[in-house]
Amino acid sequence: MDQEKAAQGPFGTTIAHGFLTLSLVPMLAGEVYAVEGIAMGINYRANRLRFPSTVPAGSRVRTDVELLAVEPSGQGARR
């Protein structure tokens, strides 16, 4: 990274890529809940994903998670 050139850009510093920031969410949310007994998962509704602001390099990142409900699926893990 060229920090001098980034300082002259529109954000005034280097910033993290949006998908890098997004990749931290499972780790942070994992402190709130755990999903067990599954063999595979899919990325669902990424088409509605938005990045409303930049994340300057070196920033602290946090997430806000609200667990609304837990319901058994009726299907066991398939392997």
PDB file of N, CA and C in Angstrom:
ATOM      1  N   MET A   1       0.819  -1.172   0.000  1.00  0.00           N
ATOM      2  CA  MET A   1       0.000   0.000   0.000  1.00  0.00           C
ATOM      3  C   MET A   1       0.870   1.246   0.000  1.00  0.00           C
ATOM      4  N   ASP A   2       0.520   2.175  -0.808  1.00  0.00           N
ATOM      5  CA  ASP A   2       1.211   3.457  -0.851  1.00  0.00           C
ATOM      6  C   ASP A   2       0.435   4.428   0.039  1.00  0.00           C
ATOM      7  N   GLN A   3       0.866   4.559   1.279  1.00  0.00           N
ATOM      8  CA  GLN A   3       0.142   5.372   2.249  1.00  0.00           C
ATOM      9  C   GLN A   3       0.160   6.855   1.883  1.00  0.00           C
ATOM     10  N   GLU A   4       1.238   7.318   1.278  1.00  0.00           N
ATOM     11  CA  GLU A   4       1.298   8.727   0.872  1.00  0.00           C
ATOM     12  C   GLU A   4       0.279   9.014  -0.224  1.00  0.00           C
ATOM     13  N   LYS A   5       0.180   8.123  -1.184  1.00  0.00           N
ATOM     14  CA  LYS A   5      -0.794   8.312  -2.267  1.00  0.00           C
ATOM     15  C   LYS A   5      -2.218   8.179  -1.730  1.00  0.00           C
ATOM     16  N   ALA A   6      -2.449   7.227  -0.821  1.00  0.00           N
ATOM     17  CA  ALA A   6      -3.777   7.053  -0.235  1.00  0.00           C
ATOM     18  C   ALA A   6      -4.186   8.296   0.549  1.00  0.00           C
ATOM     19  N   ALA A   7      -3.238   8.959   1.201  1.00  0.00           N
ATOM     20  CA  ALA A   7      -3.535  10.175   1.971  1.00  0.00           C
ATOM     21  C   ALA A   7      -4.035  11.295   1.063  1.00  0.00           C
ATOM     22  N   GLN A   8      -3.663  11.259  -0.204  1.00  0.00           N
ATOM     23  CA  GLN A   8      -4.097  12.280  -1.163  1.00  0.00           C
ATOM     24  C   GLN A   8      -5.430  11.927  -1.810  1.00  0.00           C
ATOM     25  N   GLY A   9      -5.927  10.717  -1.587  1.00  0.00           N
ATOM     26  CA  GLY A   9      -7.162  10.259  -2.209  1.00  0.00           C
ATOM     27  C   GLY A   9      -8.403  10.763  -1.499  1.00  0.00           C
ATOM     28  N   PRO A  10      -9.558  10.324  -1.955  1.00  0.00           N
ATOM     29  CA  PRO A  10     -10.825  10.830  -1.408  1.00  0.00           C
ATOM     30  C   PRO A  10     -11.093  10.449   0.046  1.00  0.00           C
ATOM     31  N   PHE A  11     -10.429   9.395   0.554  1.00  0.00           N
ATOM     32  CA  PHE A  11     -10.685   8.949   1.925  1.00  0.00           C
ATOM     33  C   PHE A  11      -9.622   9.436   2.904  1.00  0.00           C
ATOM     34  N   GLY A  12      -8.536   9.974   2.406  1.00  0.00           N
ATOM     35  CA  GLY A  12      -7.490  10.519   3.253  1.00  0.00           C
ATOM     36  C   GLY A  12      -6.568   9.494   3.893  1.00  0.00           C
ATOM     37  N   THR A  13      -6.786   8.237   3.622  1.00  0.00           N
ATOM     38  CA  THR A  13      -5.970   7.160   4.184  1.00  0.00           C
ATOM     39  C   THR A  13      -6.263   5.875   3.423  1.00  0.00           C
ATOM     40  N   THR A  14      -5.567   4.798   3.765  1.00  0.00           N
ATOM     41  CA  THR A  14      -5.879   3.496   3.175  1.00  0.00           C
ATOM     42  C   THR A  14      -7.153   2.968   3.834  1.00  0.00           C
ATOM     43  N   ILE A  15      -7.932   2.216   3.083  1.00  0.00           N
ATOM     44  CA  ILE A  15      -9.185   1.660   3.607  1.00  0.00           C
ATOM     45  C   ILE A  15      -9.228   0.159   3.368  1.00  0.00           C
ATOM     46  N   ALA A  16     -10.026  -0.528   4.175  1.00  0.00           N
ATOM     47  CA  ALA A  16     -10.212  -1.978   4.011  1.00  0.00           C
ATOM     48  C   ALA A  16     -11.242  -2.234   2.915  1.00  0.00           C
ATOM     49  N   HIS A  17     -11.024  -3.267   2.143  1.00  0.00           N
ATOM     50  CA  HIS A  17     -11.990  -3.679   1.122  1.00  0.00           C
ATOM     51  C   HIS A  17     -13.274  -4.117   1.818  1.00  0.00           C
ATOM     52  N   GLY A  18     -14.415  -3.824   1.236  1.00  0.00           N
ATOM     53  CA  GLY A  18     -15.699  -4.161   1.834  1.00  0.00           C
ATOM     54  C   GLY A  18     -15.853  -5.640   2.151  1.00  0.00           C
ATOM     55  N   PHE A  19     -15.389  -6.509   1.254  1.00  0.00           N
ATOM     56  CA  PHE A  19     -15.537  -7.942   1.498  1.00  0.00           C
ATOM     57  C   PHE A  19     -14.583  -8.445   2.582  1.00  0.00           C
ATOM     58  N   LEU A  20     -13.475  -7.740   2.791  1.00  0.00           N
ATOM     59  CA  LEU A  20     -12.619  -8.076   3.928  1.00  0.00           C
ATOM     60  C   LEU A  20     -13.376  -7.789   5.220  1.00  0.00           C
ATOM     61  N   THR A  21     -14.011  -6.641   5.277  1.00  0.00           N
ATOM     62  CA  THR A  21     -14.816  -6.279   6.448  1.00  0.00           C
ATOM     63  C   THR A  21     -15.949  -7.285   6.643  1.00  0.00           C
ATOM     64  N   LEU A  22     -16.622  -7.646   5.567  1.00  0.00           N
ATOM     65  CA  LEU A  22     -17.713  -8.623   5.633  1.00  0.00           C
ATOM     66  C   LEU A  22     -17.226  -9.970   6.139  1.00  0.00           C
ATOM     67  N   SER A  23     -16.011 -10.360   5.797  1.00  0.00           N
ATOM     68  CA  SER A  23     -15.498 -11.661   6.214  1.00  0.00           C
ATOM     69  C   SER A  23     -15.302 -11.753   7.729  1.00  0.00           C
ATOM     70  N   LEU A  24     -15.290 -10.629   8.428  1.00  0.00           N
ATOM     71  CA  LEU A  24     -15.147 -10.626   9.884  1.00  0.00           C
ATOM     72  C   LEU A  24     -16.455 -10.921  10.611  1.00  0.00           C
ATOM     73  N   VAL A  25     -17.591 -10.748   9.942  1.00  0.00           N
ATOM     74  CA  VAL A  25     -18.895 -10.902  10.598  1.00  0.00           C
ATOM     75  C   VAL A  25     -19.099 -12.287  11.206  1.00  0.00           C
ATOM     76  N   PRO A  26     -18.820 -13.398  10.512  1.00  0.00           N
ATOM     77  CA  PRO A  26     -19.038 -14.703  11.148  1.00  0.00           C
ATOM     78  C   PRO A  26     -18.231 -14.886  12.430  1.00  0.00           C
ATOM     79  N   MET A  27     -17.004 -14.386  12.455  1.00  0.00           N
ATOM     80  CA  MET A  27     -16.189 -14.504  13.652  1.00  0.00           C
ATOM     81  C   MET A  27     -16.800 -13.685  14.803  1.00  0.00           C
ATOM     82  N   LEU A  28     -17.219 -12.473  14.490  1.00  0.00           N
ATOM     83  CA  LEU A  28     -17.795 -11.610  15.521  1.00  0.00           C
ATOM     84  C   LEU A  28     -19.157 -12.133  15.986  1.00  0.00           C
ATOM     85  N   ALA A  29     -19.983 -12.578  15.063  1.00  0.00           N
ATOM     86  CA  ALA A  29     -21.306 -13.110  15.421  1.00  0.00           C
ATOM     87  C   ALA A  29     -21.170 -14.434  16.167  1.00  0.00           C
ATOM     88  N   GLY A  30     -20.083 -15.165  15.918  1.00  0.00           N
ATOM     89  CA  GLY A  30     -19.852 -16.431  16.607  1.00  0.00           C
ATOM     90  C   GLY A  30     -19.698 -16.272  18.108  1.00  0.00           C
ATOM     91  N   GLU A  31     -19.481 -15.061  18.572  1.00  0.00           N
ATOM     92  CA  GLU A  31     -19.431 -14.809  20.008  1.00  0.00           C
ATOM     93  C   GLU A  31     -20.827 -14.742  20.610  1.00  0.00           C
ATOM     94  N   VAL A  32     -21.858 -14.657  19.762  1.00  0.00           N
ATOM     95  CA  VAL A  32     -23.247 -14.537  20.218  1.00  0.00           C
ATOM     96  C   VAL A  32     -23.990 -15.864  20.082  1.00  0.00           C
ATOM     97  N   TYR A  33     -23.759 -16.580  18.991  1.00  0.00           N
ATOM     98  CA  TYR A  33     -24.467 -17.837  18.757  1.00  0.00           C
ATOM     99  C   TYR A  33     -23.557 -18.817  18.025  1.00  0.00           C
ATOM    100  N   ALA A  34     -23.945 -20.079  18.063  1.00  0.00           N
ATOM    101  CA  ALA A  34     -23.203 -21.123  17.357  1.00  0.00           C
ATOM    102  C   ALA A  34     -24.177 -21.946  16.529  1.00  0.00           C
ATOM    103  N   VAL A  35     -23.739 -22.346  15.364  1.00  0.00           N
ATOM    104  CA  VAL A  35     -24.526 -23.224  14.502  1.00  0.00           C
ATOM    105  C   VAL A  35     -23.781 -24.544  14.451  1.00  0.00           C
ATOM    106  N   GLU A  36     -24.463 -25.623  14.846  1.00  0.00           N
ATOM    107  CA  GLU A  36     -23.814 -26.932  14.897  1.00  0.00           C
ATOM    108  C   GLU A  36     -24.613 -27.956  14.116  1.00  0.00           C
ATOM    109  N   GLY A  37     -23.951 -29.009  13.716  1.00  0.00           N
ATOM    110  CA  GLY A  37     -24.618 -30.140  13.081  1.00  0.00           C
ATOM    111  C   GLY A  37     -25.002 -29.909  11.633  1.00  0.00           C
ATOM    112  N   ILE A  38     -24.307 -29.022  10.943  1.00  0.00           N
ATOM    113  CA  ILE A  38     -24.593 -28.842   9.523  1.00  0.00           C
ATOM    114  C   ILE A  38     -23.381 -29.285   8.717  1.00  0.00           C
ATOM    115  N   ALA A  39     -23.628 -29.730   7.517  1.00  0.00           N
ATOM    116  CA  ALA A  39     -22.547 -30.192   6.661  1.00  0.00           C
ATOM    117  C   ALA A  39     -22.150 -29.134   5.632  1.00  0.00           C
ATOM    118  N   MET A  40     -23.077 -28.215   5.306  1.00  0.00           N
ATOM    119  CA  MET A  40     -22.802 -27.227   4.270  1.00  0.00           C
ATOM    120  C   MET A  40     -23.681 -26.009   4.492  1.00  0.00           C
ATOM    121  N   GLY A  41     -23.196 -24.847   4.115  1.00  0.00           N
ATOM    122  CA  GLY A  41     -23.994 -23.627   4.172  1.00  0.00           C
ATOM    123  C   GLY A  41     -23.864 -22.875   2.858  1.00  0.00           C
ATOM    124  N   ILE A  42     -24.777 -21.942   2.621  1.00  0.00           N
ATOM    125  CA  ILE A  42     -24.721 -21.144   1.399  1.00  0.00           C
ATOM    126  C   ILE A  42     -24.779 -19.665   1.751  1.00  0.00           C
ATOM    127  N   ASN A  43     -24.233 -18.850   0.892  1.00  0.00           N
ATOM    128  CA  ASN A  43     -24.309 -17.401   1.036  1.00  0.00           C
ATOM    129  C   ASN A  43     -25.633 -16.965   0.420  1.00  0.00           C
ATOM    130  N   TYR A  44     -26.505 -16.394   1.223  1.00  0.00           N
ATOM    131  CA  TYR A  44     -27.853 -16.092   0.787  1.00  0.00           C
ATOM    132  C   TYR A  44     -28.093 -14.590   0.803  1.00  0.00           C
ATOM    133  N   ARG A  45     -28.606 -14.068  -0.280  1.00  0.00           N
ATOM    134  CA  ARG A  45     -28.993 -12.665  -0.419  1.00  0.00           C
ATOM    135  C   ARG A  45     -27.832 -11.679  -0.387  1.00  0.00           C
ATOM    136  N   ALA A  46     -26.726 -12.017  -0.950  1.00  0.00           N
ATOM    137  CA  ALA A  46     -25.626 -11.064  -1.045  1.00  0.00           C
ATOM    138  C   ALA A  46     -25.967  -9.935  -2.006  1.00  0.00           C
ATOM    139  N   ASN A  47     -27.008 -10.124  -2.827  1.00  0.00           N
ATOM    140  CA  ASN A  47     -27.403  -9.078  -3.762  1.00  0.00           C
ATOM    141  C   ASN A  47     -27.981  -7.851  -3.045  1.00  0.00           C
ATOM    142  N   ARG A  48     -28.352  -7.986  -1.775  1.00  0.00           N
ATOM    143  CA  ARG A  48     -28.879  -6.854  -1.009  1.00  0.00           C
ATOM    144  C   ARG A  48     -27.831  -6.243  -0.086  1.00  0.00           C
ATOM    145  N   LEU A  49     -26.625  -6.716  -0.178  1.00  0.00           N
ATOM    146  CA  LEU A  49     -25.548  -6.259   0.679  1.00  0.00           C
ATOM    147  C   LEU A  49     -25.115  -4.858   0.279  1.00  0.00           C
ATOM    148  N   ARG A  50     -24.948  -3.981   1.263  1.00  0.00           N
ATOM    149  CA  ARG A  50     -24.490  -2.622   1.012  1.00  0.00           C
ATOM    150  C   ARG A  50     -23.383  -2.276   1.991  1.00  0.00           C
ATOM    151  N   PHE A  51     -22.463  -1.455   1.560  1.00  0.00           N
ATOM    152  CA  PHE A  51     -21.374  -0.966   2.396  1.00  0.00           C
ATOM    153  C   PHE A  51     -21.568   0.540   2.543  1.00  0.00           C
ATOM    154  N   PRO A  52     -22.248   0.988   3.602  1.00  0.00           N
ATOM    155  CA  PRO A  52     -22.624   2.408   3.711  1.00  0.00           C
ATOM    156  C   PRO A  52     -21.473   3.361   4.011  1.00  0.00           C
ATOM    157  N   SER A  53     -20.351   2.857   4.492  1.00  0.00           N
ATOM    158  CA  SER A  53     -19.222   3.751   4.754  1.00  0.00           C
ATOM    159  C   SER A  53     -17.917   2.984   4.640  1.00  0.00           C
ATOM    160  N   THR A  54     -16.839   3.735   4.534  1.00  0.00           N
ATOM    161  CA  THR A  54     -15.519   3.123   4.426  1.00  0.00           C
ATOM    162  C   THR A  54     -15.009   2.723   5.809  1.00  0.00           C
ATOM    163  N   VAL A  55     -14.045   1.811   5.817  1.00  0.00           N
ATOM    164  CA  VAL A  55     -13.391   1.391   7.056  1.00  0.00           C
ATOM    165  C   VAL A  55     -11.905   1.711   6.908  1.00  0.00           C
ATOM    166  N   PRO A  56     -11.448   2.795   7.533  1.00  0.00           N
ATOM    167  CA  PRO A  56     -10.031   3.138   7.440  1.00  0.00           C
ATOM    168  C   PRO A  56      -9.159   2.033   8.042  1.00  0.00           C
ATOM    169  N   ALA A  57      -7.994   1.802   7.449  1.00  0.00           N
ATOM    170  CA  ALA A  57      -7.062   0.799   7.965  1.00  0.00           C
ATOM    171  C   ALA A  57      -6.728   1.106   9.416  1.00  0.00           C
ATOM    172  N   GLY A  58      -6.712   0.068  10.250  1.00  0.00           N
ATOM    173  CA  GLY A  58      -6.415   0.219  11.671  1.00  0.00           C
ATOM    174  C   GLY A  58      -7.631   0.512  12.534  1.00  0.00           C
ATOM    175  N   SER A  59      -8.809   0.599  11.925  1.00  0.00           N
ATOM    176  CA  SER A  59     -10.029   0.877  12.684  1.00  0.00           C
ATOM    177  C   SER A  59     -10.461  -0.329  13.504  1.00  0.00           C
ATOM    178  N   ARG A  60     -11.208  -0.074  14.559  1.00  0.00           N
ATOM    179  CA  ARG A  60     -11.844  -1.153  15.308  1.00  0.00           C
ATOM    180  C   ARG A  60     -13.150  -1.476  14.614  1.00  0.00           C
ATOM    181  N   VAL A  61     -13.463  -2.761  14.539  1.00  0.00           N
ATOM    182  CA  VAL A  61     -14.670  -3.209  13.853  1.00  0.00           C
ATOM    183  C   VAL A  61     -15.531  -3.969  14.841  1.00  0.00           C
ATOM    184  N   ARG A  62     -16.821  -3.714  14.817  1.00  0.00           N
ATOM    185  CA  ARG A  62     -17.751  -4.449  15.673  1.00  0.00           C
ATOM    186  C   ARG A  62     -19.021  -4.723  14.874  1.00  0.00           C
ATOM    187  N   THR A  63     -19.803  -5.663  15.366  1.00  0.00           N
ATOM    188  CA  THR A  63     -21.075  -5.969  14.724  1.00  0.00           C
ATOM    189  C   THR A  63     -22.159  -5.977  15.778  1.00  0.00           C
ATOM    190  N   ASP A  64     -23.372  -5.786  15.333  1.00  0.00           N
ATOM    191  CA  ASP A  64     -24.533  -5.799  16.211  1.00  0.00           C
ATOM    192  C   ASP A  64     -25.416  -6.955  15.755  1.00  0.00           C
ATOM    193  N   VAL A  65     -25.627  -7.917  16.630  1.00  0.00           N
ATOM    194  CA  VAL A  65     -26.392  -9.110  16.283  1.00  0.00           C
ATOM    195  C   VAL A  65     -27.597  -9.207  17.199  1.00  0.00           C
ATOM    196  N   GLU A  66     -28.750  -9.446  16.615  1.00  0.00           N
ATOM    197  CA  GLU A  66     -29.971  -9.643  17.394  1.00  0.00           C
ATOM    198  C   GLU A  66     -30.588 -10.971  16.965  1.00  0.00           C
ATOM    199  N   LEU A  67     -30.624 -11.924  17.886  1.00  0.00           N
ATOM    200  CA  LEU A  67     -31.204 -13.227  17.614  1.00  0.00           C
ATOM    201  C   LEU A  67     -32.702 -13.131  17.864  1.00  0.00           C
ATOM    202  N   LEU A  68     -33.496 -13.234  16.818  1.00  0.00           N
ATOM    203  CA  LEU A  68     -34.938 -13.047  16.926  1.00  0.00           C
ATOM    204  C   LEU A  68     -35.681 -14.313  17.305  1.00  0.00           C
ATOM    205  N   ALA A  69     -35.233 -15.471  16.826  1.00  0.00           N
ATOM    206  CA  ALA A  69     -35.930 -16.720  17.104  1.00  0.00           C
ATOM    207  C   ALA A  69     -35.019 -17.904  16.819  1.00  0.00           C
ATOM    208  N   VAL A  70     -35.338 -19.015  17.459  1.00  0.00           N
ATOM    209  CA  VAL A  70     -34.650 -20.266  17.191  1.00  0.00           C
ATOM    210  C   VAL A  70     -35.721 -21.316  17.002  1.00  0.00           C
ATOM    211  N   GLU A  71     -35.683 -21.974  15.867  1.00  0.00           N
ATOM    212  CA  GLU A  71     -36.672 -22.994  15.575  1.00  0.00           C
ATOM    213  C   GLU A  71     -35.973 -24.234  15.019  1.00  0.00           C
ATOM    214  N   PRO A  72     -36.352 -25.419  15.490  1.00  0.00           N
ATOM    215  CA  PRO A  72     -35.767 -26.636  14.909  1.00  0.00           C
ATOM    216  C   PRO A  72     -36.251 -26.795  13.463  1.00  0.00           C
ATOM    217  N   SER A  73     -35.368 -27.254  12.609  1.00  0.00           N
ATOM    218  CA  SER A  73     -35.726 -27.397  11.206  1.00  0.00           C
ATOM    219  C   SER A  73     -36.478 -28.708  10.938  1.00  0.00           C
ATOM    220  N   GLY A  74     -36.344 -29.671  11.841  1.00  0.00           N
ATOM    221  CA  GLY A  74     -36.978 -30.958  11.628  1.00  0.00           C
ATOM    222  C   GLY A  74     -36.145 -31.875  10.761  1.00  0.00           C
ATOM    223  N   GLN A  75     -34.995 -31.381  10.297  1.00  0.00           N
ATOM    224  CA  GLN A  75     -34.113 -32.174   9.459  1.00  0.00           C
ATOM    225  C   GLN A  75     -32.762 -32.269  10.164  1.00  0.00           C
ATOM    226  N   GLY A  76     -32.253 -33.463  10.273  1.00  0.00           N
ATOM    227  CA  GLY A  76     -30.947 -33.669  10.867  1.00  0.00           C
ATOM    228  C   GLY A  76     -29.851 -33.310   9.881  1.00  0.00           C
ATOM    229  N   ALA A  77     -28.635 -33.295  10.333  1.00  0.00           N
ATOM    230  CA  ALA A  77     -27.507 -33.012   9.441  1.00  0.00           C
ATOM    231  C   ALA A  77     -27.379 -34.123   8.413  1.00  0.00           C
ATOM    232  N   ARG A  78     -27.181 -33.749   7.191  1.00  0.00           N
ATOM    233  CA  ARG A  78     -27.015 -34.729   6.111  1.00  0.00           C
ATOM    234  C   ARG A  78     -25.547 -34.845   5.782  1.00  0.00           C
ATOM    235  N   ARG A  79     -25.059 -36.047   5.748  1.00  0.00           N
ATOM    236  CA  ARG A  79     -23.651 -36.253   5.414  1.00  0.00           C
ATOM    237  C   ARG A  79     -23.512 -37.302   4.378  1.00  0.00           C
TER     238      ARG A  79
END
